[in-house]
Amino acid sequence: MVGYPNAVYRLVGHPVTWIGKLITWCDEGWNSGARSSRQRRLCGVVTLIVLLAVALLSGSAIAGILDRLFPGIVALILCGVLASTLLAQRSLDAHVLAVAKGLETEGLPGGRAAVAQIVGRDTKSLDEAAICRAAIESLAENFSDGVVAPLFWMVVLGLPGALAYKAVNTADSMIGHRTERHEAFGWASARFDDLVNLPASRLSALWLMLAAIPLGLSPAGALRTIRNDASHHRSPNAGWPEAAMAGALGIRLSGPRIYDGVPVEERWVGEGRSELTAKDIRAALKLYRTACGLQIAVLVLIVISLRA
C-alpha cells in the first residue's frame, strides 16, 4: 500500500535491479554470437539455474539471520517488510493512474507518454481508445505477474520463494524474447516463467471476478469471457486476467496493435465496447484495488483459520 521508498531506491536500489544486474552479467558473458543455437540454449538453462540458486539461497540466508537476531514475531515482521518490496501493488496502480491523468490533463500526448512507460508496443500513433486498452491490459497482466504471483510463491515458500519468482519473472522480461539474440538463450527463462505464473494467472482471474460483485459489475461477464477468450490469447497466462477484466467491465481488450513498426493482428478479448476513455481506466483501477483487498482479506482468513 505504501510502495517502495524513493530514498531507499536512490541509496541502495531495489531487489529487482540487483537481479537485473546478474541477468545482464550472464547475458553479456554467456550469450555469445560465436556459440551455436544449442550451446546458447544450454547457457540459458545454466543462467536460470544460477538465478534460482542465488535467489533461494539468499532468501533462506536472510530469513535465517533474522530468526537468529530477533524474537519470533519481530523476525516475522521484518521478513514480511523485506518480502513486501517484491510486490508491485502500489507502483502498478501509480503507473496506470498516470495514463488516465495524462489523458485528462494533456490529451493524447500525455496519454501516449505515460502508457509508453508500461507497454512494449508502438505508442506514437495510438488514439485515446487504444491508449486506454493498452493501460488496462497492462494492469490486468501485471496484477497477475507483479502482485498475485509473488504473493502466491511467498505463501508457498516464504521469502526465498518470492525472490526466486522475481528472478524468473525478471529474466523473462529481459531475455525471454523471440529475437535473434535471445530466442535460444532466453528459452528456458521464458518457458519456466509460463509455468510458475500458471497458478497465479488463474487466481488473479478469480479475484477480479469476485471483486466485480461488490462493485456492481459483471462477474458472469468475467466468467463468460474467460471461457470464450482466455485460451486464445498469445500468452498461456495473460489471457486469464485480461479476460476477467474485460468481461467484468463490459469492454474489449487486446485486438490489433503495432510492435517495432510491424502490425500484429491479435484476437479481441471480450464482447463489449472497444472505444474506451480515461474513465474506463479509473473503473479498471477500482476493480484492481478491490481485487487486491480481497486477496489480502482471504489470506488473513486463511491465517486465522490455521491458528485457530
C-alpha atoms as a PDB file:
ATOM      1  CA  MET A   1       0.000   0.000   0.000  1.00  0.00           C
ATOM      2  CA  VAL A   2       2.860   2.382   0.801  1.00  0.00           C
ATOM      3  CA  GLY A   3       5.195   1.465  -2.033  1.00  0.00           C
ATOM      4  CA  TYR A   4       8.990   1.247  -2.186  1.00  0.00           C
ATOM      5  CA  PRO A   5      10.506   4.478  -0.772  1.00  0.00           C
ATOM      6  CA  ASN A   6      12.295   6.586  -3.393  1.00  0.00           C
ATOM      7  CA  ALA A   7      15.014   7.489  -0.883  1.00  0.00           C
ATOM      8  CA  VAL A   8      15.823   3.815  -0.338  1.00  0.00           C
ATOM      9  CA  TYR A   9      15.848   3.185  -4.085  1.00  0.00           C
ATOM     10  CA  ARG A  10      18.289   6.043  -4.668  1.00  0.00           C
ATOM     11  CA  LEU A  11      20.518   4.783  -1.862  1.00  0.00           C
ATOM     12  CA  VAL A  12      20.677   1.020  -2.496  1.00  0.00           C
ATOM     13  CA  GLY A  13      18.460   0.275  -5.485  1.00  0.00           C
ATOM     14  CA  HIS A  14      15.801  -2.455  -5.442  1.00  0.00           C
ATOM     15  CA  PRO A  15      15.978  -6.282  -5.355  1.00  0.00           C
ATOM     16  CA  VAL A  16      14.757  -6.428  -8.955  1.00  0.00           C
ATOM     17  CA  THR A  17      17.556  -4.098 -10.112  1.00  0.00           C
ATOM     18  CA  TRP A  18      20.092  -6.338  -8.336  1.00  0.00           C
ATOM     19  CA  ILE A  19      18.614  -9.375 -10.084  1.00  0.00           C
ATOM     20  CA  GLY A  20      18.695  -7.467 -13.365  1.00  0.00           C
ATOM     21  CA  LYS A  21      22.431  -6.805 -12.997  1.00  0.00           C
ATOM     22  CA  LEU A  22      23.083 -10.520 -12.528  1.00  0.00           C
ATOM     23  CA  ILE A  23      20.998 -11.346 -15.611  1.00  0.00           C
ATOM     24  CA  THR A  24      22.883  -8.737 -17.650  1.00  0.00           C
ATOM     25  CA  TRP A  25      26.195 -10.207 -16.494  1.00  0.00           C
ATOM     26  CA  CYS A  26      25.109 -13.694 -17.598  1.00  0.00           C
ATOM     27  CA  ASP A  27      23.754 -12.391 -20.894  1.00  0.00           C
ATOM     28  CA  GLU A  28      26.905 -10.477 -21.762  1.00  0.00           C
ATOM     29  CA  GLY A  29      29.246 -13.255 -20.674  1.00  0.00           C
ATOM     30  CA  TRP A  30      27.489 -16.401 -21.877  1.00  0.00           C
ATOM     31  CA  ASN A  31      25.200 -15.380 -24.742  1.00  0.00           C
ATOM     32  CA  SER A  32      27.902 -15.105 -27.379  1.00  0.00           C
ATOM     33  CA  GLY A  33      27.054 -14.975 -31.067  1.00  0.00           C
ATOM     34  CA  ALA A  34      30.002 -17.275 -31.659  1.00  0.00           C
ATOM     35  CA  ARG A  35      28.141 -20.125 -29.950  1.00  0.00           C
ATOM     36  CA  SER A  36      25.636 -22.351 -31.731  1.00  0.00           C
ATOM     37  CA  SER A  37      21.930 -22.095 -31.008  1.00  0.00           C
ATOM     38  CA  ARG A  38      22.107 -25.315 -28.971  1.00  0.00           C
ATOM     39  CA  GLN A  39      25.009 -24.002 -26.891  1.00  0.00           C
ATOM     40  CA  ARG A  40      23.231 -20.707 -26.253  1.00  0.00           C
ATOM     41  CA  ARG A  41      20.109 -22.550 -25.138  1.00  0.00           C
ATOM     42  CA  LEU A  42      22.215 -24.619 -22.736  1.00  0.00           C
ATOM     43  CA  CYS A  43      23.816 -21.431 -21.400  1.00  0.00           C
ATOM     44  CA  GLY A  44      20.311 -20.048 -20.882  1.00  0.00           C
ATOM     45  CA  VAL A  45      19.409 -23.133 -18.819  1.00  0.00           C
ATOM     46  CA  VAL A  46      22.532 -22.592 -16.711  1.00  0.00           C
ATOM     47  CA  THR A  47      21.581 -18.923 -16.279  1.00  0.00           C
ATOM     48  CA  LEU A  48      18.153 -19.915 -14.980  1.00  0.00           C
ATOM     49  CA  ILE A  49      19.691 -22.394 -12.539  1.00  0.00           C
ATOM     50  CA  VAL A  50      22.129 -19.734 -11.274  1.00  0.00           C
ATOM     51  CA  LEU A  51      19.306 -17.226 -10.780  1.00  0.00           C
ATOM     52  CA  LEU A  52      17.175 -19.712  -8.864  1.00  0.00           C
ATOM     53  CA  ALA A  53      20.091 -20.826  -6.708  1.00  0.00           C
ATOM     54  CA  VAL A  54      21.126 -17.265  -5.829  1.00  0.00           C
ATOM     55  CA  ALA A  55      17.530 -16.237  -5.063  1.00  0.00           C
ATOM     56  CA  LEU A  56      16.663 -19.284  -2.949  1.00  0.00           C
ATOM     57  CA  LEU A  57      19.940 -19.269  -1.017  1.00  0.00           C
ATOM     58  CA  SER A  58      19.830 -15.501  -0.433  1.00  0.00           C
ATOM     59  CA  GLY A  59      16.232 -15.610   0.741  1.00  0.00           C
ATOM     60  CA  SER A  60      16.913 -18.530   3.074  1.00  0.00           C
ATOM     61  CA  ALA A  61      20.026 -16.832   4.478  1.00  0.00           C
ATOM     62  CA  ILE A  62      18.207 -13.551   5.142  1.00  0.00           C
ATOM     63  CA  ALA A  63      15.268 -15.313   6.810  1.00  0.00           C
ATOM     64  CA  GLY A  64      17.675 -17.392   8.905  1.00  0.00           C
ATOM     65  CA  ILE A  65      19.675 -14.362  10.044  1.00  0.00           C
ATOM     66  CA  LEU A  66      16.511 -12.537  11.082  1.00  0.00           C
ATOM     67  CA  ASP A  67      15.336 -15.580  13.039  1.00  0.00           C
ATOM     68  CA  ARG A  68      18.623 -15.715  14.959  1.00  0.00           C
ATOM     69  CA  LEU A  69      18.871 -11.985  15.679  1.00  0.00           C
ATOM     70  CA  PHE A  70      15.299 -11.136  16.678  1.00  0.00           C
ATOM     71  CA  PRO A  71      12.387 -12.649  18.632  1.00  0.00           C
ATOM     72  CA  GLY A  72       9.955 -14.677  16.529  1.00  0.00           C
ATOM     73  CA  ILE A  73       7.278 -12.047  15.877  1.00  0.00           C
ATOM     74  CA  VAL A  74       9.855  -9.298  15.207  1.00  0.00           C
ATOM     75  CA  ALA A  75      11.741 -11.534  12.751  1.00  0.00           C
ATOM     76  CA  LEU A  76       8.458 -12.360  11.019  1.00  0.00           C
ATOM     77  CA  ILE A  77       7.515  -8.685  10.659  1.00  0.00           C
ATOM     78  CA  LEU A  78      10.949  -7.715   9.338  1.00  0.00           C
ATOM     79  CA  CYS A  79      10.899 -10.616   6.881  1.00  0.00           C
ATOM     80  CA  GLY A  80       7.435  -9.522   5.766  1.00  0.00           C
ATOM     81  CA  VAL A  81       8.617  -5.955   5.214  1.00  0.00           C
ATOM     82  CA  LEU A  82      11.510  -7.195   3.066  1.00  0.00           C
ATOM     83  CA  ALA A  83       9.229  -9.549   1.135  1.00  0.00           C
ATOM     84  CA  SER A  84       6.704  -6.777   0.502  1.00  0.00           C
ATOM     85  CA  THR A  85       9.283  -4.984  -1.657  1.00  0.00           C
ATOM     86  CA  LEU A  86       8.754  -7.780  -4.194  1.00  0.00           C
ATOM     87  CA  LEU A  87       5.071  -6.882  -4.700  1.00  0.00           C
ATOM     88  CA  ALA A  88       4.323  -4.213  -7.317  1.00  0.00           C
ATOM     89  CA  GLN A  89       0.860  -3.407  -5.963  1.00  0.00           C
ATOM     90  CA  ARG A  90       1.370   0.328  -5.379  1.00  0.00           C
ATOM     91  CA  SER A  91       3.718   1.061  -8.299  1.00  0.00           C
ATOM     92  CA  LEU A  92       1.401  -0.665 -10.783  1.00  0.00           C
ATOM     93  CA  ASP A  93      -1.516   1.452  -9.565  1.00  0.00           C
ATOM     94  CA  ALA A  94       0.575   4.633  -9.859  1.00  0.00           C
ATOM     95  CA  HIS A  95       1.796   3.903 -13.396  1.00  0.00           C
ATOM     96  CA  VAL A  96      -1.657   3.063 -14.740  1.00  0.00           C
ATOM     97  CA  LEU A  97      -3.266   6.025 -12.969  1.00  0.00           C
ATOM     98  CA  ALA A  98      -0.663   8.250 -14.644  1.00  0.00           C
ATOM     99  CA  VAL A  99      -2.089   7.238 -18.037  1.00  0.00           C
ATOM    100  CA  ALA A 100      -5.593   8.339 -17.049  1.00  0.00           C
ATOM    101  CA  LYS A 101      -4.275  11.617 -15.637  1.00  0.00           C
ATOM    102  CA  GLY A 102      -2.137  12.184 -18.730  1.00  0.00           C
ATOM    103  CA  LEU A 103      -5.164  11.837 -20.995  1.00  0.00           C
ATOM    104  CA  GLU A 104      -7.297  14.065 -18.783  1.00  0.00           C
ATOM    105  CA  THR A 105      -4.761  16.876 -18.429  1.00  0.00           C
ATOM    106  CA  GLU A 106      -2.597  16.728 -21.564  1.00  0.00           C
ATOM    107  CA  GLY A 107      -4.710  14.818 -24.077  1.00  0.00           C
ATOM    108  CA  LEU A 108      -3.195  12.285 -26.462  1.00  0.00           C
ATOM    109  CA  PRO A 109       0.459  13.372 -25.999  1.00  0.00           C
ATOM    110  CA  GLY A 110       0.181  12.959 -22.233  1.00  0.00           C
ATOM    111  CA  GLY A 111      -1.552   9.608 -22.519  1.00  0.00           C
ATOM    112  CA  ARG A 112       0.942   8.283 -25.064  1.00  0.00           C
ATOM    113  CA  ALA A 113       3.921   9.364 -22.970  1.00  0.00           C
ATOM    114  CA  ALA A 114       2.514   7.715 -19.834  1.00  0.00           C
ATOM    115  CA  VAL A 115       1.453   4.449 -21.466  1.00  0.00           C
ATOM    116  CA  ALA A 116       4.834   4.128 -23.197  1.00  0.00           C
ATOM    117  CA  GLN A 117       6.300   3.569 -19.721  1.00  0.00           C
ATOM    118  CA  ILE A 118       4.342   0.345 -19.190  1.00  0.00           C
ATOM    119  CA  VAL A 119       3.851  -1.313 -22.602  1.00  0.00           C
ATOM    120  CA  GLY A 120       6.173  -2.551 -25.327  1.00  0.00           C
ATOM    121  CA  ARG A 121       4.065  -1.655 -28.361  1.00  0.00           C
ATOM    122  CA  ASP A 122       4.473   1.470 -30.504  1.00  0.00           C
ATOM    123  CA  THR A 123       2.519   4.290 -28.863  1.00  0.00           C
ATOM    124  CA  LYS A 124       3.149   7.232 -31.219  1.00  0.00           C
ATOM    125  CA  SER A 125       0.043   6.619 -33.316  1.00  0.00           C
ATOM    126  CA  LEU A 126      -2.335   5.347 -30.608  1.00  0.00           C
ATOM    127  CA  ASP A 127      -5.700   7.080 -30.286  1.00  0.00           C
ATOM    128  CA  GLU A 128      -7.435   7.525 -26.928  1.00  0.00           C
ATOM    129  CA  ALA A 129      -9.229   4.173 -27.059  1.00  0.00           C
ATOM    130  CA  ALA A 130      -6.035   2.280 -27.907  1.00  0.00           C
ATOM    131  CA  ILE A 131      -4.134   4.053 -25.117  1.00  0.00           C
ATOM    132  CA  CYS A 132      -6.827   3.074 -22.619  1.00  0.00           C
ATOM    133  CA  ARG A 133      -6.908  -0.537 -23.804  1.00  0.00           C
ATOM    134  CA  ALA A 134      -3.120  -0.776 -23.526  1.00  0.00           C
ATOM    135  CA  ALA A 135      -3.174   0.610 -19.976  1.00  0.00           C
ATOM    136  CA  ILE A 136      -5.952  -1.728 -18.827  1.00  0.00           C
ATOM    137  CA  GLU A 137      -4.297  -4.762 -20.463  1.00  0.00           C
ATOM    138  CA  SER A 138      -1.063  -3.910 -18.655  1.00  0.00           C
ATOM    139  CA  LEU A 139      -2.963  -3.516 -15.391  1.00  0.00           C
ATOM    140  CA  ALA A 140      -4.611  -6.930 -15.760  1.00  0.00           C
ATOM    141  CA  GLU A 141      -1.451  -8.780 -16.832  1.00  0.00           C
ATOM    142  CA  ASN A 142       0.763  -7.179 -14.194  1.00  0.00           C
ATOM    143  CA  PHE A 143      -1.827  -7.783 -11.483  1.00  0.00           C
ATOM    144  CA  SER A 144      -1.037 -11.442 -12.079  1.00  0.00           C
ATOM    145  CA  ASP A 145       2.726 -11.137 -12.653  1.00  0.00           C
ATOM    146  CA  GLY A 146       3.518  -8.347 -10.208  1.00  0.00           C
ATOM    147  CA  VAL A 147       1.070  -8.865  -7.343  1.00  0.00           C
ATOM    148  CA  VAL A 148      -0.649 -12.252  -7.243  1.00  0.00           C
ATOM    149  CA  ALA A 149       2.276 -14.428  -8.388  1.00  0.00           C
ATOM    150  CA  PRO A 150       4.950 -13.155  -5.972  1.00  0.00           C
ATOM    151  CA  LEU A 151       2.457 -13.284  -3.109  1.00  0.00           C
ATOM    152  CA  PHE A 152       1.441 -16.832  -4.090  1.00  0.00           C
ATOM    153  CA  TRP A 153       5.036 -18.066  -4.056  1.00  0.00           C
ATOM    154  CA  MET A 154       5.673 -16.103  -0.856  1.00  0.00           C
ATOM    155  CA  VAL A 155       2.854 -18.030   0.821  1.00  0.00           C
ATOM    156  CA  VAL A 156       4.150 -21.348  -0.556  1.00  0.00           C
ATOM    157  CA  LEU A 157       7.906 -20.919   0.034  1.00  0.00           C
ATOM    158  CA  GLY A 158       8.343 -17.744   2.085  1.00  0.00           C
ATOM    159  CA  LEU A 159      10.877 -15.059   1.233  1.00  0.00           C
ATOM    160  CA  PRO A 160      13.038 -17.488  -0.818  1.00  0.00           C
ATOM    161  CA  GLY A 161      10.023 -18.367  -2.980  1.00  0.00           C
ATOM    162  CA  ALA A 162       9.148 -14.741  -3.645  1.00  0.00           C
ATOM    163  CA  LEU A 163      12.766 -13.911  -4.544  1.00  0.00           C
ATOM    164  CA  ALA A 164      13.016 -16.927  -6.838  1.00  0.00           C
ATOM    165  CA  TYR A 165       9.804 -15.946  -8.599  1.00  0.00           C
ATOM    166  CA  LYS A 166      11.003 -12.364  -9.158  1.00  0.00           C
ATOM    167  CA  ALA A 167      14.291 -13.700 -10.546  1.00  0.00           C
ATOM    168  CA  VAL A 168      12.429 -15.846 -13.082  1.00  0.00           C
ATOM    169  CA  ASN A 169       9.959 -13.122 -14.000  1.00  0.00           C
ATOM    170  CA  THR A 170      12.706 -10.507 -14.406  1.00  0.00           C
ATOM    171  CA  ALA A 171      14.695 -12.887 -16.599  1.00  0.00           C
ATOM    172  CA  ASP A 172      11.648 -13.432 -18.803  1.00  0.00           C
ATOM    173  CA  SER A 173      11.226  -9.652 -19.131  1.00  0.00           C
ATOM    174  CA  MET A 174      14.890  -9.109 -20.041  1.00  0.00           C
ATOM    175  CA  ILE A 175      15.871 -12.143 -22.134  1.00  0.00           C
ATOM    176  CA  GLY A 176      12.668 -14.104 -22.769  1.00  0.00           C
ATOM    177  CA  HIS A 177      12.034 -12.553 -26.183  1.00  0.00           C
ATOM    178  CA  ARG A 178      11.879 -14.182 -29.603  1.00  0.00           C
ATOM    179  CA  THR A 179      14.653 -12.058 -31.042  1.00  0.00           C
ATOM    180  CA  GLU A 180      17.765 -13.202 -32.850  1.00  0.00           C
ATOM    181  CA  ARG A 181      19.857 -12.609 -29.740  1.00  0.00           C
ATOM    182  CA  HIS A 182      17.542 -14.077 -27.099  1.00  0.00           C
ATOM    183  CA  GLU A 183      15.338 -16.729 -28.724  1.00  0.00           C
ATOM    184  CA  ALA A 184      17.738 -19.536 -27.746  1.00  0.00           C
ATOM    185  CA  PHE A 185      19.382 -18.027 -24.656  1.00  0.00           C
ATOM    186  CA  GLY A 186      16.078 -16.893 -23.107  1.00  0.00           C
ATOM    187  CA  TRP A 187      14.127 -20.041 -23.967  1.00  0.00           C
ATOM    188  CA  ALA A 188      14.455 -21.669 -20.527  1.00  0.00           C
ATOM    189  CA  SER A 189      13.535 -18.498 -18.639  1.00  0.00           C
ATOM    190  CA  ALA A 190      10.503 -17.848 -20.837  1.00  0.00           C
ATOM    191  CA  ARG A 191       9.173 -21.407 -20.536  1.00  0.00           C
ATOM    192  CA  PHE A 192       9.777 -21.571 -16.782  1.00  0.00           C
ATOM    193  CA  ASP A 193       8.088 -18.191 -16.326  1.00  0.00           C
ATOM    194  CA  ASP A 194       4.999 -19.567 -18.083  1.00  0.00           C
ATOM    195  CA  LEU A 195       5.000 -22.486 -15.658  1.00  0.00           C
ATOM    196  CA  VAL A 196       5.401 -20.551 -12.400  1.00  0.00           C
ATOM    197  CA  ASN A 197       2.784 -17.986 -13.477  1.00  0.00           C
ATOM    198  CA  LEU A 198       0.138 -20.598 -14.273  1.00  0.00           C
ATOM    199  CA  PRO A 199      -1.481 -20.787 -10.784  1.00  0.00           C
ATOM    200  CA  ALA A 200      -1.339 -17.012 -10.262  1.00  0.00           C
ATOM    201  CA  SER A 201      -2.984 -16.217 -13.598  1.00  0.00           C
ATOM    202  CA  ARG A 202      -5.962 -18.359 -12.672  1.00  0.00           C
ATOM    203  CA  LEU A 203      -6.075 -16.908  -9.168  1.00  0.00           C
ATOM    204  CA  SER A 204      -5.926 -13.336 -10.474  1.00  0.00           C
ATOM    205  CA  ALA A 205      -8.871 -14.042 -12.764  1.00  0.00           C
ATOM    206  CA  LEU A 206     -10.793 -15.399  -9.764  1.00  0.00           C
ATOM    207  CA  TRP A 207     -10.011 -12.326  -7.624  1.00  0.00           C
ATOM    208  CA  LEU A 208     -11.115  -9.970 -10.407  1.00  0.00           C
ATOM    209  CA  MET A 209     -14.314 -11.938 -10.974  1.00  0.00           C
ATOM    210  CA  LEU A 210     -15.182 -11.900  -7.257  1.00  0.00           C
ATOM    211  CA  ALA A 211     -14.203  -8.237  -6.889  1.00  0.00           C
ATOM    212  CA  ALA A 212     -16.780  -7.372  -9.543  1.00  0.00           C
ATOM    213  CA  ILE A 213     -19.606  -8.390  -7.180  1.00  0.00           C
ATOM    214  CA  PRO A 214     -19.405  -5.596  -4.550  1.00  0.00           C
ATOM    215  CA  LEU A 215     -18.748  -3.027  -7.296  1.00  0.00           C
ATOM    216  CA  GLY A 216     -21.947  -3.885  -9.149  1.00  0.00           C
ATOM    217  CA  LEU A 217     -20.023  -5.051 -12.209  1.00  0.00           C
ATOM    218  CA  SER A 218     -20.485  -8.362 -14.026  1.00  0.00           C
ATOM    219  CA  PRO A 219     -18.896 -11.489 -12.535  1.00  0.00           C
ATOM    220  CA  ALA A 220     -20.952 -13.514 -15.009  1.00  0.00           C
ATOM    221  CA  GLY A 221     -19.470 -11.495 -17.870  1.00  0.00           C
ATOM    222  CA  ALA A 222     -15.991 -12.105 -16.464  1.00  0.00           C
ATOM    223  CA  LEU A 223     -16.593 -15.859 -16.285  1.00  0.00           C
ATOM    224  CA  ARG A 224     -18.079 -15.957 -19.788  1.00  0.00           C
ATOM    225  CA  THR A 225     -15.158 -14.041 -21.285  1.00  0.00           C
ATOM    226  CA  ILE A 226     -12.649 -16.280 -19.507  1.00  0.00           C
ATOM    227  CA  ARG A 227     -14.328 -19.328 -21.010  1.00  0.00           C
ATOM    228  CA  ASN A 228     -14.533 -17.842 -24.502  1.00  0.00           C
ATOM    229  CA  ASP A 229     -11.290 -15.900 -24.874  1.00  0.00           C
ATOM    230  CA  ALA A 230      -8.623 -16.713 -22.256  1.00  0.00           C
ATOM    231  CA  SER A 231      -7.277 -19.755 -24.094  1.00  0.00           C
ATOM    232  CA  HIS A 232      -6.991 -17.850 -27.396  1.00  0.00           C
ATOM    233  CA  HIS A 233      -4.590 -15.233 -26.027  1.00  0.00           C
ATOM    234  CA  ARG A 234      -0.990 -15.181 -27.332  1.00  0.00           C
ATOM    235  CA  SER A 235       0.146 -15.840 -23.746  1.00  0.00           C
ATOM    236  CA  PRO A 236      -0.886 -19.004 -21.880  1.00  0.00           C
ATOM    237  CA  ASN A 237      -1.359 -16.919 -18.726  1.00  0.00           C
ATOM    238  CA  ALA A 238      -2.058 -13.254 -19.530  1.00  0.00           C
ATOM    239  CA  GLY A 239      -5.358 -14.099 -21.209  1.00  0.00           C
ATOM    240  CA  TRP A 240      -6.943 -15.101 -17.906  1.00  0.00           C
ATOM    241  CA  PRO A 241      -6.757 -11.784 -16.009  1.00  0.00           C
ATOM    242  CA  GLU A 242      -7.314  -9.800 -19.234  1.00  0.00           C
ATOM    243  CA  ALA A 243     -10.463 -11.777 -19.988  1.00  0.00           C
ATOM    244  CA  ALA A 244     -11.720 -11.389 -16.416  1.00  0.00           C
ATOM    245  CA  MET A 245     -11.072  -7.636 -16.505  1.00  0.00           C
ATOM    246  CA  ALA A 246     -12.728  -7.184 -19.907  1.00  0.00           C
ATOM    247  CA  GLY A 247     -15.779  -9.265 -19.025  1.00  0.00           C
ATOM    248  CA  ALA A 248     -16.326  -7.622 -15.638  1.00  0.00           C
ATOM    249  CA  LEU A 249     -16.106  -4.103 -17.115  1.00  0.00           C
ATOM    250  CA  GLY A 250     -18.065  -4.909 -20.280  1.00  0.00           C
ATOM    251  CA  ILE A 251     -15.257  -3.841 -22.621  1.00  0.00           C
ATOM    252  CA  ARG A 252     -12.991  -5.314 -25.299  1.00  0.00           C
ATOM    253  CA  LEU A 253      -9.221  -5.595 -24.905  1.00  0.00           C
ATOM    254  CA  SER A 254      -6.292  -6.787 -27.000  1.00  0.00           C
ATOM    255  CA  GLY A 255      -7.042  -6.578 -30.746  1.00  0.00           C
ATOM    256  CA  PRO A 256      -4.688  -5.266 -33.480  1.00  0.00           C
ATOM    257  CA  ARG A 257      -1.563  -3.369 -32.445  1.00  0.00           C
ATOM    258  CA  ILE A 258       1.921  -2.462 -33.714  1.00  0.00           C
ATOM    259  CA  TYR A 259       5.241  -3.793 -32.408  1.00  0.00           C
ATOM    260  CA  ASP A 260       8.508  -2.357 -33.766  1.00  0.00           C
ATOM    261  CA  GLY A 261       6.649  -0.920 -36.739  1.00  0.00           C
ATOM    262  CA  VAL A 262       5.044  -4.263 -37.641  1.00  0.00           C
ATOM    263  CA  PRO A 263       1.214  -4.569 -37.437  1.00  0.00           C
ATOM    264  CA  VAL A 264       0.110  -7.576 -35.365  1.00  0.00           C
ATOM    265  CA  GLU A 265      -3.414  -8.957 -35.700  1.00  0.00           C
ATOM    266  CA  GLU A 266      -4.392 -10.035 -32.203  1.00  0.00           C
ATOM    267  CA  ARG A 267      -7.772 -11.545 -31.423  1.00  0.00           C
ATOM    268  CA  TRP A 268     -10.140  -9.363 -29.381  1.00  0.00           C
ATOM    269  CA  VAL A 269     -10.792 -10.306 -25.754  1.00  0.00           C
ATOM    270  CA  GLY A 270     -14.337  -9.568 -24.615  1.00  0.00           C
ATOM    271  CA  GLU A 271     -17.558  -8.615 -26.354  1.00  0.00           C
ATOM    272  CA  GLY A 272     -18.169  -5.108 -25.033  1.00  0.00           C
ATOM    273  CA  ARG A 273     -17.059  -1.605 -26.019  1.00  0.00           C
ATOM    274  CA  SER A 274     -13.651  -1.047 -27.593  1.00  0.00           C
ATOM    275  CA  GLU A 275     -13.892   2.772 -27.692  1.00  0.00           C
ATOM    276  CA  LEU A 276     -12.597   3.471 -24.212  1.00  0.00           C
ATOM    277  CA  THR A 277     -11.802   6.657 -22.271  1.00  0.00           C
ATOM    278  CA  ALA A 278      -9.860   7.625 -19.164  1.00  0.00           C
ATOM    279  CA  LYS A 279     -12.986   6.838 -17.123  1.00  0.00           C
ATOM    280  CA  ASP A 280     -12.603   3.190 -18.104  1.00  0.00           C
ATOM    281  CA  ILE A 281      -9.025   3.194 -16.802  1.00  0.00           C
ATOM    282  CA  ARG A 282     -10.273   4.540 -13.491  1.00  0.00           C
ATOM    283  CA  ALA A 283     -13.006   1.878 -13.389  1.00  0.00           C
ATOM    284  CA  ALA A 284     -10.383  -0.800 -14.056  1.00  0.00           C
ATOM    285  CA  LEU A 285      -8.214   0.583 -11.254  1.00  0.00           C
ATOM    286  CA  LYS A 286     -11.164   0.441  -8.864  1.00  0.00           C
ATOM    287  CA  LEU A 287     -11.688  -3.211  -9.779  1.00  0.00           C
ATOM    288  CA  TYR A 288      -7.958  -3.875  -9.364  1.00  0.00           C
ATOM    289  CA  ARG A 289      -7.831  -2.239  -5.917  1.00  0.00           C
ATOM    290  CA  THR A 290     -10.844  -4.223  -4.775  1.00  0.00           C
ATOM    291  CA  ALA A 291      -9.253  -7.453  -6.032  1.00  0.00           C
ATOM    292  CA  CYS A 292      -6.035  -6.620  -4.141  1.00  0.00           C
ATOM    293  CA  GLY A 293      -8.032  -6.035  -0.951  1.00  0.00           C
ATOM    294  CA  LEU A 294      -9.983  -9.245  -1.462  1.00  0.00           C
ATOM    295  CA  GLN A 295      -6.768 -11.223  -1.898  1.00  0.00           C
ATOM    296  CA  ILE A 296      -5.329  -9.888   1.361  1.00  0.00           C
ATOM    297  CA  ALA A 297      -8.612 -10.475   3.197  1.00  0.00           C
ATOM    298  CA  VAL A 298      -8.733 -14.118   2.073  1.00  0.00           C
ATOM    299  CA  LEU A 299      -5.109 -14.607   3.113  1.00  0.00           C
ATOM    300  CA  VAL A 300      -5.835 -13.151   6.563  1.00  0.00           C
ATOM    301  CA  LEU A 301      -8.815 -15.504   6.958  1.00  0.00           C
ATOM    302  CA  ILE A 302      -6.646 -18.481   5.996  1.00  0.00           C
ATOM    303  CA  VAL A 303      -4.032 -17.487   8.590  1.00  0.00           C
ATOM    304  CA  ILE A 304      -6.685 -17.053  11.296  1.00  0.00           C
ATOM    305  CA  SER A 305      -8.248 -20.438  10.492  1.00  0.00           C
ATOM    306  CA  LEU A 306      -4.848 -22.184  10.602  1.00  0.00           C
ATOM    307  CA  ARG A 307      -4.038 -20.655  14.020  1.00  0.00           C
ATOM    308  CA  ALA A 308      -7.484 -21.364  15.483  1.00  0.00           C
END
